[in-house]
Protein backbone atom coordinates (compact mmCIF):
# COMPACT_ATOMS: atom_id res chain seq x y z
CA MET A 1 11.29 -16.91 -19.44
CA ASN A 2 7.93 -18.57 -18.79
CA ASN A 3 4.56 -17.34 -20.04
CA GLU A 4 3.63 -15.67 -16.73
CA ASN A 5 6.79 -13.58 -16.79
CA LYS A 6 6.34 -12.72 -20.47
CA MET A 7 2.79 -11.55 -19.75
CA LEU A 8 4.02 -9.48 -16.79
CA ARG A 9 6.68 -7.79 -18.92
CA LEU A 10 4.11 -7.05 -21.61
CA VAL A 11 1.62 -5.47 -19.21
CA LEU A 12 4.27 -3.51 -17.31
CA SER A 13 5.73 -2.17 -20.56
CA ASP A 14 2.63 -0.02 -21.10
CA ASN A 15 3.85 3.59 -21.08
CA ASN A 16 0.66 5.04 -19.62
CA LEU A 17 0.66 2.55 -16.77
CA SER A 18 4.32 3.02 -15.93
CA SER A 19 4.10 6.81 -15.99
CA SER A 20 0.93 6.86 -13.88
CA TYR A 21 2.25 4.51 -11.21
CA GLU A 22 5.95 5.42 -11.40
CA TYR A 23 7.75 2.12 -11.82
CA SER A 24 10.40 0.74 -14.12
CA THR A 25 9.65 -2.43 -16.06
CA ASP A 26 13.22 -3.55 -15.45
CA ASP A 27 12.57 -3.73 -11.69
CA PHE A 28 10.35 -6.80 -12.09
CA ALA A 29 11.77 -9.76 -13.99
CA SER A 30 9.27 -12.28 -12.64
CA VAL A 31 5.77 -12.56 -11.23
CA ASP A 32 7.29 -13.67 -7.91
CA GLU A 33 9.31 -10.42 -7.73
CA ALA A 34 6.23 -8.39 -8.63
CA LEU A 35 4.23 -10.09 -5.86
CA ARG A 36 6.81 -8.80 -3.34
CA SER A 37 6.63 -5.21 -4.61
CA ASP A 38 5.74 -2.26 -2.38
CA ASN A 39 3.61 -0.88 -5.23
CA PRO A 40 0.03 -2.19 -4.84
CA VAL A 41 -0.68 -1.83 -8.56
CA ILE A 42 2.29 -4.05 -9.44
CA VAL A 43 1.17 -6.65 -6.90
CA ALA A 44 -2.39 -6.54 -8.26
CA ILE A 45 -1.15 -7.11 -11.82
CA ALA A 46 0.98 -10.04 -10.64
CA LYS A 47 -1.96 -11.53 -8.72
CA ILE A 48 -4.16 -11.32 -11.81
CA ILE A 49 -1.54 -12.95 -14.02
CA ARG A 50 -0.83 -15.70 -11.49
CA GLY A 51 -4.52 -16.29 -10.82
CA VAL A 52 -5.52 -16.46 -14.48
CA ASN A 53 -2.61 -18.75 -15.26
CA GLU A 54 -3.43 -21.17 -12.44
CA ARG A 55 -7.21 -21.12 -12.71
CA SER A 56 -8.83 -21.35 -16.09
CA ASP A 57 -12.52 -21.93 -15.32
CA LYS A 58 -14.97 -19.07 -14.78
CA SER A 59 -15.93 -19.90 -11.18
CA THR A 60 -12.36 -19.73 -9.92
CA GLN A 61 -11.65 -16.58 -11.93
CA LYS A 62 -14.26 -14.90 -9.71
CA GLU A 63 -12.03 -15.85 -6.77
CA VAL A 64 -9.11 -14.08 -8.45
CA TYR A 65 -11.26 -10.99 -8.95
CA ASN A 66 -12.28 -11.00 -5.29
CA GLU A 67 -8.70 -11.49 -4.12
CA VAL A 68 -7.40 -8.58 -6.20
CA PHE A 69 -10.36 -6.35 -5.34
CA ASN A 70 -9.87 -6.94 -1.61
CA TYR A 71 -6.11 -6.47 -1.89
CA LEU A 72 -6.49 -3.10 -3.63
CA ASN A 73 -9.13 -1.94 -1.15
CA GLN A 74 -6.82 -2.74 1.76
CA ASN A 75 -3.70 -1.23 0.22
CA ILE A 76 -4.85 1.79 -1.74
CA LEU A 77 -7.91 3.16 0.01
């Protein structure tokens, strides 16, 4: 298991998060699987993990923020 997938499992294992957004941690073994989820919150978490892992400098982290922000606005609101 790579670091991205470990981080995903750790975040998704939060009891408050899983009960609020009704998912099972076992449904998502990898970031790639999470990115294909129908649950916008799961996809947003995967996008953050993937974006932070791939882009370490501050200017590109702003791009990750904008991507996730726009994704959530389009899929939740």
